[in-house]
């Protein structure tokens, strides 16, 4: 999956990150990477033409993660019956199978689609082939539980590990009022006082630490292999999240005795390779407004500029965002 995870992020996520949530959800559900990763390309309606001939059945992986991780959330009000019904709705959402073999392109396969009406979250979905899935995604994208689930994730990511109820309420309201317009939703997050009152409440993930270090360093070209090695060293190898839930977004997942030592060691290694050893300039760019006296003292006491830069990277101010 690592071979196509990058295209998934580029085509399904980045393309829609400031667009409409439904468009992102639809792009995710139809992307070959997701259809293969969660096995929907192999899901067959038991009563479909292919199901009756081949004796195969549903795979509920995509349906379950769509409800639990992408829309309503685990406490969003759905049942196991809804998981099964959504799996029936999504039968036929697959990849191209032709004379040249399977290709990483979306295709709807009528022969494997489960016939008959379905009932999702109490609403009837009439038998209509691919349009059943399109309708289901529209329903899920505008559901109040989806608004609250996405709002909670955004507030957790941008504000604090434990999202404040008032902020979540405001962001969820923005989600519903704008019809899932993510630009408006993110603007609401940014404009909340909690986003500024709780500055530096979040610990950077290894990926964020690497990116912010590269930005603070200025004009510095670093090769892909070095980036990969850096992320592996700090415990977040690229495109290798441990589960469909993705990488964790809380401090305890990234800061522990061993993880902290790896970060400090990485900072030392990076500092040795930076083109500039002006620690004062680096610190000013990286943490200027929040730099404490301890960092200033460490810079002054360092044996050379590279050691001082490593200390800035290891500082609490720089490890947080």
C-alpha atoms as a PDB file:
ATOM      1  CA  UNK A   1       0.000   0.000   0.000  1.00  0.00           C
ATOM      2  CA  UNK A   2       2.930   2.390   0.539  1.00  0.00           C
ATOM      3  CA  UNK A   3       3.363   2.514  -3.240  1.00  0.00           C
ATOM      4  CA  UNK A   4      -0.035   4.172  -3.750  1.00  0.00           C
ATOM      5  CA  UNK A   5      -0.553   5.922  -0.401  1.00  0.00           C
ATOM      6  CA  UNK A   6       1.175   9.020  -1.748  1.00  0.00           C
ATOM      7  CA  UNK A   7      -1.183   9.291  -4.708  1.00  0.00           C
ATOM      8  CA  UNK A   8      -4.133   8.842  -2.339  1.00  0.00           C
ATOM      9  CA  UNK A   9      -2.971  11.726  -0.148  1.00  0.00           C
ATOM     10  CA  UNK A  10      -2.288  13.916  -3.178  1.00  0.00           C
ATOM     11  CA  UNK A  11      -5.471  13.155  -5.135  1.00  0.00           C
ATOM     12  CA  UNK A  12      -8.106  12.531  -2.477  1.00  0.00           C
ATOM     13  CA  UNK A  13      -6.967  14.650   0.484  1.00  0.00           C
ATOM     14  CA  UNK A  14      -4.801  17.592  -0.593  1.00  0.00           C
ATOM     15  CA  UNK A  15      -7.002  18.340  -3.593  1.00  0.00           C
ATOM     16  CA  UNK A  16     -10.023  18.897  -1.340  1.00  0.00           C
ATOM     17  CA  UNK A  17      -8.483  20.025   1.940  1.00  0.00           C
ATOM     18  CA  UNK A  18      -9.976  23.513   1.646  1.00  0.00           C
ATOM     19  CA  UNK A  19     -12.959  22.456  -0.443  1.00  0.00           C
ATOM     20  CA  UNK A  20     -16.178  20.700   0.478  1.00  0.00           C
ATOM     21  CA  UNK A  21     -16.100  17.765   2.876  1.00  0.00           C
ATOM     22  CA  UNK A  22     -18.481  15.718   0.742  1.00  0.00           C
ATOM     23  CA  UNK A  23     -16.151  16.034  -2.232  1.00  0.00           C
ATOM     24  CA  UNK A  24     -13.253  14.796  -0.106  1.00  0.00           C
ATOM     25  CA  UNK A  25     -15.326  11.930   1.277  1.00  0.00           C
ATOM     26  CA  UNK A  26     -16.401  10.892  -2.196  1.00  0.00           C
ATOM     27  CA  UNK A  27     -12.828  11.073  -3.507  1.00  0.00           C
ATOM     28  CA  UNK A  28     -11.661   8.927  -0.578  1.00  0.00           C
ATOM     29  CA  UNK A  29     -14.385   6.302  -1.037  1.00  0.00           C
ATOM     30  CA  UNK A  30     -13.703   5.970  -4.770  1.00  0.00           C
ATOM     31  CA  UNK A  31      -9.916   6.102  -4.690  1.00  0.00           C
ATOM     32  CA  UNK A  32      -8.263   2.813  -5.732  1.00  0.00           C
ATOM     33  CA  UNK A  33      -5.920   2.977  -2.717  1.00  0.00           C
ATOM     34  CA  UNK A  34      -8.857   2.959  -0.301  1.00  0.00           C
ATOM     35  CA  UNK A  35     -10.820   0.378  -2.274  1.00  0.00           C
ATOM     36  CA  UNK A  36      -7.821  -1.955  -2.194  1.00  0.00           C
ATOM     37  CA  UNK A  37      -6.626  -1.195   1.346  1.00  0.00           C
ATOM     38  CA  UNK A  38     -10.040  -1.862   2.888  1.00  0.00           C
ATOM     39  CA  UNK A  39     -10.899  -4.677   0.483  1.00  0.00           C
ATOM     40  CA  UNK A  40     -14.036  -3.185  -1.071  1.00  0.00           C
ATOM     41  CA  UNK A  41     -12.714  -4.119  -4.490  1.00  0.00           C
ATOM     42  CA  UNK A  42     -13.266  -7.738  -3.342  1.00  0.00           C
ATOM     43  CA  UNK A  43     -16.676  -7.192  -1.736  1.00  0.00           C
ATOM     44  CA  UNK A  44     -19.469  -9.030  -3.559  1.00  0.00           C
ATOM     45  CA  UNK A  45     -23.208  -8.809  -2.976  1.00  0.00           C
ATOM     46  CA  UNK A  46     -24.350 -12.311  -1.932  1.00  0.00           C
ATOM     47  CA  UNK A  47     -27.432 -12.039  -4.168  1.00  0.00           C
ATOM     48  CA  UNK A  48     -25.700 -10.333  -7.077  1.00  0.00           C
ATOM     49  CA  UNK A  49     -24.989 -12.121 -10.349  1.00  0.00           C
ATOM     50  CA  UNK A  50     -21.383 -12.737  -9.311  1.00  0.00           C
ATOM     51  CA  UNK A  51     -22.323 -13.620  -5.745  1.00  0.00           C
ATOM     52  CA  UNK A  52     -24.818 -16.293  -6.757  1.00  0.00           C
ATOM     53  CA  UNK A  53     -22.329 -17.818  -9.197  1.00  0.00           C
ATOM     54  CA  UNK A  54     -19.213 -17.658  -7.033  1.00  0.00           C
ATOM     55  CA  UNK A  55     -20.658 -18.139  -3.562  1.00  0.00           C
ATOM     56  CA  UNK A  56     -18.799 -15.120  -2.155  1.00  0.00           C
ATOM     57  CA  UNK A  57     -20.103 -12.329   0.044  1.00  0.00           C
ATOM     58  CA  UNK A  58     -19.690  -8.933   1.622  1.00  0.00           C
ATOM     59  CA  UNK A  59     -16.570  -7.359   3.001  1.00  0.00           C
ATOM     60  CA  UNK A  60     -17.517  -4.735   5.594  1.00  0.00           C
ATOM     61  CA  UNK A  61     -14.108  -3.090   6.102  1.00  0.00           C
ATOM     62  CA  UNK A  62     -14.696   0.040   4.024  1.00  0.00           C
ATOM     63  CA  UNK A  63     -18.246   0.513   5.312  1.00  0.00           C
ATOM     64  CA  UNK A  64     -17.124   0.204   8.932  1.00  0.00           C
ATOM     65  CA  UNK A  65     -14.265   2.674   8.571  1.00  0.00           C
ATOM     66  CA  UNK A  66     -16.444   5.098   6.611  1.00  0.00           C
ATOM     67  CA  UNK A  67     -18.801   5.255   9.575  1.00  0.00           C
ATOM     68  CA  UNK A  68     -16.287   4.985  12.420  1.00  0.00           C
ATOM     69  CA  UNK A  69     -13.311   6.980  11.133  1.00  0.00           C
ATOM     70  CA  UNK A  70     -14.441   9.150   8.222  1.00  0.00           C
ATOM     71  CA  UNK A  71     -17.897  10.445   9.153  1.00  0.00           C
ATOM     72  CA  UNK A  72     -20.081   9.740  12.203  1.00  0.00           C
ATOM     73  CA  UNK A  73     -17.431   8.516  14.626  1.00  0.00           C
ATOM     74  CA  UNK A  74     -17.646   5.489  16.906  1.00  0.00           C
ATOM     75  CA  UNK A  75     -20.257   7.185  19.091  1.00  0.00           C
ATOM     76  CA  UNK A  76     -22.128   8.739  16.182  1.00  0.00           C
ATOM     77  CA  UNK A  77     -25.302   6.673  16.472  1.00  0.00           C
ATOM     78  CA  UNK A  78     -24.845   3.931  13.903  1.00  0.00           C
ATOM     79  CA  UNK A  79     -25.320   0.203  14.537  1.00  0.00           C
ATOM     80  CA  UNK A  80     -23.873  -3.004  13.160  1.00  0.00           C
ATOM     81  CA  UNK A  81     -26.906  -3.156  10.889  1.00  0.00           C
ATOM     82  CA  UNK A  82     -25.869   0.180   9.385  1.00  0.00           C
ATOM     83  CA  UNK A  83     -22.372  -1.192   8.751  1.00  0.00           C
ATOM     84  CA  UNK A  84     -23.836  -4.161   6.881  1.00  0.00           C
ATOM     85  CA  UNK A  85     -26.268  -2.002   4.917  1.00  0.00           C
ATOM     86  CA  UNK A  86     -23.561   0.438   3.880  1.00  0.00           C
ATOM     87  CA  UNK A  87     -21.405  -2.512   2.811  1.00  0.00           C
ATOM     88  CA  UNK A  88     -24.311  -3.682   0.629  1.00  0.00           C
ATOM     89  CA  UNK A  89     -24.699  -0.177  -0.782  1.00  0.00           C
ATOM     90  CA  UNK A  90     -20.997  -0.002  -1.669  1.00  0.00           C
ATOM     91  CA  UNK A  91     -20.791  -3.363  -3.430  1.00  0.00           C
ATOM     92  CA  UNK A  92     -19.647  -2.734  -6.973  1.00  0.00           C
ATOM     93  CA  UNK A  93     -17.386   0.182  -6.007  1.00  0.00           C
ATOM     94  CA  UNK A  94     -14.201  -1.362  -7.326  1.00  0.00           C
ATOM     95  CA  UNK A  95     -11.276  -0.913  -9.697  1.00  0.00           C
ATOM     96  CA  UNK A  96     -11.007  -1.577 -13.407  1.00  0.00           C
ATOM     97  CA  UNK A  97     -10.728  -5.241 -14.322  1.00  0.00           C
ATOM     98  CA  UNK A  98     -10.065  -5.860 -17.974  1.00  0.00           C
ATOM     99  CA  UNK A  99      -8.087  -7.925 -20.482  1.00  0.00           C
ATOM    100  CA  UNK A 100      -4.845  -6.361 -19.291  1.00  0.00           C
ATOM    101  CA  UNK A 101      -5.580  -7.199 -15.665  1.00  0.00           C
ATOM    102  CA  UNK A 102      -6.672  -4.914 -12.821  1.00  0.00           C
ATOM    103  CA  UNK A 103      -5.795  -1.215 -13.030  1.00  0.00           C
ATOM    104  CA  UNK A 104      -5.720   1.416 -10.307  1.00  0.00           C
ATOM    105  CA  UNK A 105      -8.763   3.260 -11.639  1.00  0.00           C
ATOM    106  CA  UNK A 106     -12.247   3.459 -10.139  1.00  0.00           C
ATOM    107  CA  UNK A 107     -14.985   1.434 -11.789  1.00  0.00           C
ATOM    108  CA  UNK A 108     -18.493   0.428 -10.778  1.00  0.00           C
ATOM    109  CA  UNK A 109     -19.157  -3.287 -11.320  1.00  0.00           C
ATOM    110  CA  UNK A 110     -22.938  -3.919 -11.668  1.00  0.00           C
ATOM    111  CA  UNK A 111     -22.435  -7.700 -11.629  1.00  0.00           C
ATOM    112  CA  UNK A 112     -21.252  -7.668  -8.013  1.00  0.00           C
ATOM    113  CA  UNK A 113     -23.664  -5.030  -6.688  1.00  0.00           C
ATOM    114  CA  UNK A 114     -26.196  -6.309  -4.167  1.00  0.00           C
ATOM    115  CA  UNK A 115     -29.706  -5.936  -5.593  1.00  0.00           C
ATOM    116  CA  UNK A 116     -32.702  -4.567  -3.685  1.00  0.00           C
ATOM    117  CA  UNK A 117     -33.442  -1.589  -1.464  1.00  0.00           C
ATOM    118  CA  UNK A 118     -31.312  -0.840   1.596  1.00  0.00           C
ATOM    119  CA  UNK A 119     -31.910   1.050   4.842  1.00  0.00           C
ATOM    120  CA  UNK A 120     -29.130   3.225   6.247  1.00  0.00           C
ATOM    121  CA  UNK A 121     -29.544   5.190   9.504  1.00  0.00           C
ATOM    122  CA  UNK A 122     -33.277   4.675   9.287  1.00  0.00           C
ATOM    123  CA  UNK A 123     -33.590   6.022   5.733  1.00  0.00           C
ATOM    124  CA  UNK A 124     -34.574   3.946   2.723  1.00  0.00           C
ATOM    125  CA  UNK A 125     -32.130   3.830  -0.163  1.00  0.00           C
ATOM    126  CA  UNK A 126     -33.816   2.584  -3.315  1.00  0.00           C
ATOM    127  CA  UNK A 127     -32.031   0.078  -5.533  1.00  0.00           C
ATOM    128  CA  UNK A 128     -30.134   2.255  -8.010  1.00  0.00           C
ATOM    129  CA  UNK A 129     -26.673   0.780  -8.510  1.00  0.00           C
ATOM    130  CA  UNK A 130     -23.797   3.216  -8.101  1.00  0.00           C
ATOM    131  CA  UNK A 131     -26.175   6.051  -7.193  1.00  0.00           C
ATOM    132  CA  UNK A 132     -26.934   4.256  -3.904  1.00  0.00           C
ATOM    133  CA  UNK A 133     -23.376   4.875  -2.802  1.00  0.00           C
ATOM    134  CA  UNK A 134     -23.476   8.479  -3.976  1.00  0.00           C
ATOM    135  CA  UNK A 135     -26.649   9.077  -1.961  1.00  0.00           C
ATOM    136  CA  UNK A 136     -25.232   7.359   1.122  1.00  0.00           C
ATOM    137  CA  UNK A 137     -22.097   9.540   1.030  1.00  0.00           C
ATOM    138  CA  UNK A 138     -24.213  12.691   0.761  1.00  0.00           C
ATOM    139  CA  UNK A 139     -26.262  11.539   3.756  1.00  0.00           C
ATOM    140  CA  UNK A 140     -23.172  10.845   5.836  1.00  0.00           C
ATOM    141  CA  UNK A 141     -21.441  14.105   4.869  1.00  0.00           C
ATOM    142  CA  UNK A 142     -24.331  16.248   6.133  1.00  0.00           C
ATOM    143  CA  UNK A 143     -25.152  14.220   9.250  1.00  0.00           C
ATOM    144  CA  UNK A 144     -24.901  16.168  12.564  1.00  0.00           C
ATOM    145  CA  UNK A 145     -22.687  13.450  14.047  1.00  0.00           C
ATOM    146  CA  UNK A 146     -20.238  13.925  11.178  1.00  0.00           C
ATOM    147  CA  UNK A 147     -20.102  17.659  11.845  1.00  0.00           C
ATOM    148  CA  UNK A 148     -19.282  17.040  15.499  1.00  0.00           C
ATOM    149  CA  UNK A 149     -16.771  14.273  14.790  1.00  0.00           C
ATOM    150  CA  UNK A 150     -14.837  16.342  12.243  1.00  0.00           C
ATOM    151  CA  UNK A 151     -14.997  19.397  14.501  1.00  0.00           C
ATOM    152  CA  UNK A 152     -13.533  17.397  17.390  1.00  0.00           C
ATOM    153  CA  UNK A 153     -10.674  16.126  15.218  1.00  0.00           C
ATOM    154  CA  UNK A 154      -9.860  19.619  13.941  1.00  0.00           C
ATOM    155  CA  UNK A 155      -9.921  21.210  17.396  1.00  0.00           C
ATOM    156  CA  UNK A 156      -7.759  18.383  18.750  1.00  0.00           C
ATOM    157  CA  UNK A 157      -5.257  18.880  15.942  1.00  0.00           C
ATOM    158  CA  UNK A 158      -5.042  22.663  15.931  1.00  0.00           C
ATOM    159  CA  UNK A 159      -5.810  23.625  19.534  1.00  0.00           C
ATOM    160  CA  UNK A 160      -5.287  20.965  22.216  1.00  0.00           C
ATOM    161  CA  UNK A 161      -5.227  17.216  22.812  1.00  0.00           C
ATOM    162  CA  UNK A 162      -8.418  17.458  24.880  1.00  0.00           C
ATOM    163  CA  UNK A 163     -10.815  19.506  22.729  1.00  0.00           C
ATOM    164  CA  UNK A 164     -12.746  22.177  24.610  1.00  0.00           C
ATOM    165  CA  UNK A 165     -16.538  21.727  24.255  1.00  0.00           C
ATOM    166  CA  UNK A 166     -17.227  25.368  23.352  1.00  0.00           C
ATOM    167  CA  UNK A 167     -14.725  25.271  20.522  1.00  0.00           C
ATOM    168  CA  UNK A 168     -16.089  21.959  19.223  1.00  0.00           C
ATOM    169  CA  UNK A 169     -19.657  23.323  19.308  1.00  0.00           C
ATOM    170  CA  UNK A 170     -18.661  26.417  17.327  1.00  0.00           C
ATOM    171  CA  UNK A 171     -16.724  24.450  14.712  1.00  0.00           C
ATOM    172  CA  UNK A 172     -19.496  21.855  14.339  1.00  0.00           C
ATOM    173  CA  UNK A 173     -22.022  24.660  13.810  1.00  0.00           C
ATOM    174  CA  UNK A 174     -19.790  26.170  11.136  1.00  0.00           C
ATOM    175  CA  UNK A 175     -19.558  22.773   9.435  1.00  0.00           C
ATOM    176  CA  UNK A 176     -23.342  22.399   9.273  1.00  0.00           C
ATOM    177  CA  UNK A 177     -24.121  26.007   8.383  1.00  0.00           C
ATOM    178  CA  UNK A 178     -21.597  26.033   5.535  1.00  0.00           C
ATOM    179  CA  UNK A 179     -22.628  22.642   4.205  1.00  0.00           C
ATOM    180  CA  UNK A 180     -19.229  21.169   4.995  1.00  0.00           C
ATOM    181  CA  UNK A 181     -17.136  23.962   3.471  1.00  0.00           C
ATOM    182  CA  UNK A 182     -13.740  23.157   4.964  1.00  0.00           C
ATOM    183  CA  UNK A 183     -12.257  26.587   4.307  1.00  0.00           C
ATOM    184  CA  UNK A 184     -14.994  28.150   6.453  1.00  0.00           C
ATOM    185  CA  UNK A 185     -14.649  25.440   9.080  1.00  0.00           C
ATOM    186  CA  UNK A 186     -10.884  25.889   9.425  1.00  0.00           C
ATOM    187  CA  UNK A 187     -11.331  29.672   9.547  1.00  0.00           C
ATOM    188  CA  UNK A 188     -13.649  29.132  12.513  1.00  0.00           C
ATOM    189  CA  UNK A 189     -10.963  27.079  14.257  1.00  0.00           C
ATOM    190  CA  UNK A 190      -8.340  29.756  13.654  1.00  0.00           C
ATOM    191  CA  UNK A 191     -10.598  32.550  14.908  1.00  0.00           C
ATOM    192  CA  UNK A 192     -11.478  30.808  18.159  1.00  0.00           C
ATOM    193  CA  UNK A 193      -9.813  32.416  21.196  1.00  0.00           C
ATOM    194  CA  UNK A 194      -8.823  28.960  22.454  1.00  0.00           C
ATOM    195  CA  UNK A 195      -6.530  28.574  19.438  1.00  0.00           C
ATOM    196  CA  UNK A 196      -4.450  31.495  20.715  1.00  0.00           C
ATOM    197  CA  UNK A 197      -4.966  31.279  24.469  1.00  0.00           C
ATOM    198  CA  UNK A 198      -3.491  27.780  24.421  1.00  0.00           C
ATOM    199  CA  UNK A 199      -0.448  28.489  22.251  1.00  0.00           C
ATOM    200  CA  UNK A 200       2.166  25.704  22.157  1.00  0.00           C
ATOM    201  CA  UNK A 201      -0.301  23.225  23.668  1.00  0.00           C
ATOM    202  CA  UNK A 202       0.422  20.663  20.965  1.00  0.00           C
ATOM    203  CA  UNK A 203       3.577  18.554  20.608  1.00  0.00           C
ATOM    204  CA  UNK A 204       4.839  18.219  17.047  1.00  0.00           C
ATOM    205  CA  UNK A 205       4.676  14.835  15.425  1.00  0.00           C
ATOM    206  CA  UNK A 206       7.984  13.689  13.888  1.00  0.00           C
ATOM    207  CA  UNK A 207       6.750  14.771  10.467  1.00  0.00           C
ATOM    208  CA  UNK A 208       5.857  18.236  11.778  1.00  0.00           C
ATOM    209  CA  UNK A 209       9.197  18.486  13.564  1.00  0.00           C
ATOM    210  CA  UNK A 210      11.079  17.643  10.387  1.00  0.00           C
ATOM    211  CA  UNK A 211       9.096  20.113   8.254  1.00  0.00           C
ATOM    212  CA  UNK A 212       9.425  22.955  10.760  1.00  0.00           C
ATOM    213  CA  UNK A 213      13.167  22.334  11.065  1.00  0.00           C
ATOM    214  CA  UNK A 214      13.605  22.481   7.305  1.00  0.00           C
ATOM    215  CA  UNK A 215      11.613  25.713   7.152  1.00  0.00           C
ATOM    216  CA  UNK A 216      13.605  27.315   9.953  1.00  0.00           C
ATOM    217  CA  UNK A 217      16.856  26.324   8.245  1.00  0.00           C
ATOM    218  CA  UNK A 218      15.943  28.317   5.128  1.00  0.00           C
ATOM    219  CA  UNK A 219      17.487  27.443   1.771  1.00  0.00           C
ATOM    220  CA  UNK A 220      18.555  23.870   2.307  1.00  0.00           C
ATOM    221  CA  UNK A 221      17.993  20.987  -0.071  1.00  0.00           C
ATOM    222  CA  UNK A 222      17.701  17.611   1.616  1.00  0.00           C
ATOM    223  CA  UNK A 223      17.407  14.373  -0.328  1.00  0.00           C
ATOM    224  CA  UNK A 224      14.432  12.035  -0.105  1.00  0.00           C
ATOM    225  CA  UNK A 225      16.405   9.229   1.524  1.00  0.00           C
ATOM    226  CA  UNK A 226      17.506  11.512   4.350  1.00  0.00           C
ATOM    227  CA  UNK A 227      13.892  12.502   4.936  1.00  0.00           C
ATOM    228  CA  UNK A 228      12.861   8.849   5.040  1.00  0.00           C
ATOM    229  CA  UNK A 229      15.652   7.949   7.453  1.00  0.00           C
ATOM    230  CA  UNK A 230      14.741  10.879   9.682  1.00  0.00           C
ATOM    231  CA  UNK A 231      11.108   9.848   9.947  1.00  0.00           C
ATOM    232  CA  UNK A 232      12.041   6.223  10.617  1.00  0.00           C
ATOM    233  CA  UNK A 233      14.463   7.281  13.353  1.00  0.00           C
ATOM    234  CA  UNK A 234      11.741   9.306  15.083  1.00  0.00           C
ATOM    235  CA  UNK A 235       9.052   6.646  14.735  1.00  0.00           C
ATOM    236  CA  UNK A 236       6.833   7.969  11.935  1.00  0.00           C
ATOM    237  CA  UNK A 237       7.953   6.372   8.667  1.00  0.00           C
ATOM    238  CA  UNK A 238       6.282   7.930   5.640  1.00  0.00           C
ATOM    239  CA  UNK A 239       2.966   6.432   4.509  1.00  0.00           C
ATOM    240  CA  UNK A 240       3.134   3.701   7.135  1.00  0.00           C
ATOM    241  CA  UNK A 241       0.438   4.523   9.681  1.00  0.00           C
ATOM    242  CA  UNK A 242      -0.148   1.499  11.917  1.00  0.00           C
ATOM    243  CA  UNK A 243      -3.918   1.264  11.329  1.00  0.00           C
ATOM    244  CA  UNK A 244      -6.783   2.738   9.264  1.00  0.00           C
ATOM    245  CA  UNK A 245      -7.111   5.381  12.006  1.00  0.00           C
ATOM    246  CA  UNK A 246      -3.841   6.931  10.847  1.00  0.00           C
ATOM    247  CA  UNK A 247      -1.171   8.422  13.075  1.00  0.00           C
ATOM    248  CA  UNK A 248      -2.157   9.476  16.610  1.00  0.00           C
ATOM    249  CA  UNK A 249      -2.696  13.155  17.364  1.00  0.00           C
ATOM    250  CA  UNK A 250      -1.962  13.293  21.089  1.00  0.00           C
ATOM    251  CA  UNK A 251       1.212  14.106  22.995  1.00  0.00           C
ATOM    252  CA  UNK A 252       1.621  10.755  24.750  1.00  0.00           C
ATOM    253  CA  UNK A 253       1.998   9.007  21.384  1.00  0.00           C
ATOM    254  CA  UNK A 254       5.112  11.026  20.520  1.00  0.00           C
ATOM    255  CA  UNK A 255       6.768  12.028  23.790  1.00  0.00           C
ATOM    256  CA  UNK A 256       8.269   9.351  26.045  1.00  0.00           C
ATOM    257  CA  UNK A 257      11.809   8.732  27.328  1.00  0.00           C
ATOM    258  CA  UNK A 258      12.996   6.803  24.272  1.00  0.00           C
ATOM    259  CA  UNK A 259      11.088   8.938  21.754  1.00  0.00           C
ATOM    260  CA  UNK A 260      12.454  12.132  23.295  1.00  0.00           C
ATOM    261  CA  UNK A 261      16.026  10.839  23.118  1.00  0.00           C
ATOM    262  CA  UNK A 262      15.531   9.990  19.448  1.00  0.00           C
ATOM    263  CA  UNK A 263      14.307  13.509  18.759  1.00  0.00           C
ATOM    264  CA  UNK A 264      17.299  15.038  20.541  1.00  0.00           C
ATOM    265  CA  UNK A 265      19.685  12.740  18.683  1.00  0.00           C
ATOM    266  CA  UNK A 266      18.022  13.629  15.383  1.00  0.00           C
ATOM    267  CA  UNK A 267      18.360  17.331  16.180  1.00  0.00           C
ATOM    268  CA  UNK A 268      22.070  16.867  16.823  1.00  0.00           C
ATOM    269  CA  UNK A 269      22.549  15.016  13.528  1.00  0.00           C
ATOM    270  CA  UNK A 270      20.594  17.620  11.569  1.00  0.00           C
ATOM    271  CA  UNK A 271      22.515  20.489  13.143  1.00  0.00           C
ATOM    272  CA  UNK A 272      25.779  18.917  11.963  1.00  0.00           C
ATOM    273  CA  UNK A 273      24.539  19.016   8.368  1.00  0.00           C
ATOM    274  CA  UNK A 274      22.957  22.442   8.235  1.00  0.00           C
ATOM    275  CA  UNK A 275      24.556  24.959   5.871  1.00  0.00           C
ATOM    276  CA  UNK A 276      24.400  27.731   8.470  1.00  0.00           C
ATOM    277  CA  UNK A 277      25.653  27.589  12.065  1.00  0.00           C
ATOM    278  CA  UNK A 278      24.143  30.919  13.142  1.00  0.00           C
ATOM    279  CA  UNK A 279      22.179  29.637  16.129  1.00  0.00           C
ATOM    280  CA  UNK A 280      20.859  33.083  17.041  1.00  0.00           C
ATOM    281  CA  UNK A 281      19.359  33.524  13.586  1.00  0.00           C
ATOM    282  CA  UNK A 282      17.974  29.982  13.562  1.00  0.00           C
ATOM    283  CA  UNK A 283      16.407  30.443  17.003  1.00  0.00           C
ATOM    284  CA  UNK A 284      14.955  33.784  16.003  1.00  0.00           C
ATOM    285  CA  UNK A 285      13.267  32.246  12.978  1.00  0.00           C
ATOM    286  CA  UNK A 286      12.178  29.070  14.743  1.00  0.00           C
ATOM    287  CA  UNK A 287      10.999  30.198  18.190  1.00  0.00           C
ATOM    288  CA  UNK A 288      11.721  33.928  18.440  1.00  0.00           C
ATOM    289  CA  UNK A 289       8.425  35.082  20.031  1.00  0.00           C
ATOM    290  CA  UNK A 290       8.387  32.294  22.636  1.00  0.00           C
ATOM    291  CA  UNK A 291      12.102  31.762  23.260  1.00  0.00           C
ATOM    292  CA  UNK A 292      12.820  31.513  26.991  1.00  0.00           C
ATOM    293  CA  UNK A 293      15.902  32.455  28.961  1.00  0.00           C
ATOM    294  CA  UNK A 294      17.029  28.818  29.257  1.00  0.00           C
ATOM    295  CA  UNK A 295      17.375  28.537  25.481  1.00  0.00           C
ATOM    296  CA  UNK A 296      19.309  31.782  25.311  1.00  0.00           C
ATOM    297  CA  UNK A 297      21.673  30.526  28.020  1.00  0.00           C
ATOM    298  CA  UNK A 298      22.116  27.193  26.244  1.00  0.00           C
ATOM    299  CA  UNK A 299      23.030  28.978  23.000  1.00  0.00           C
ATOM    300  CA  UNK A 300      25.545  31.148  24.811  1.00  0.00           C
ATOM    301  CA  UNK A 301      27.118  28.172  26.585  1.00  0.00           C
ATOM    302  CA  UNK A 302      27.357  25.897  23.514  1.00  0.00           C
ATOM    303  CA  UNK A 303      30.819  24.944  22.302  1.00  0.00           C
ATOM    304  CA  UNK A 304      29.999  25.912  18.730  1.00  0.00           C
ATOM    305  CA  UNK A 305      27.167  27.017  16.472  1.00  0.00           C
ATOM    306  CA  UNK A 306      26.109  23.504  15.454  1.00  0.00           C
ATOM    307  CA  UNK A 307      25.763  22.376  19.057  1.00  0.00           C
ATOM    308  CA  UNK A 308      23.718  25.502  19.753  1.00  0.00           C
ATOM    309  CA  UNK A 309      21.383  24.778  16.813  1.00  0.00           C
ATOM    310  CA  UNK A 310      20.889  21.223  18.116  1.00  0.00           C
ATOM    311  CA  UNK A 311      19.898  22.649  21.491  1.00  0.00           C
ATOM    312  CA  UNK A 312      17.337  24.924  19.860  1.00  0.00           C
ATOM    313  CA  UNK A 313      15.807  21.958  18.036  1.00  0.00           C
ATOM    314  CA  UNK A 314      15.698  19.985  21.298  1.00  0.00           C
ATOM    315  CA  UNK A 315      14.097  22.851  23.233  1.00  0.00           C
ATOM    316  CA  UNK A 316      10.571  22.570  24.566  1.00  0.00           C
ATOM    317  CA  UNK A 317       9.599  25.696  22.633  1.00  0.00           C
ATOM    318  CA  UNK A 318      10.582  24.151  19.309  1.00  0.00           C
ATOM    319  CA  UNK A 319       9.200  20.687  20.065  1.00  0.00           C
ATOM    320  CA  UNK A 320       5.737  22.251  20.450  1.00  0.00           C
ATOM    321  CA  UNK A 321       3.588  24.175  18.042  1.00  0.00           C
END
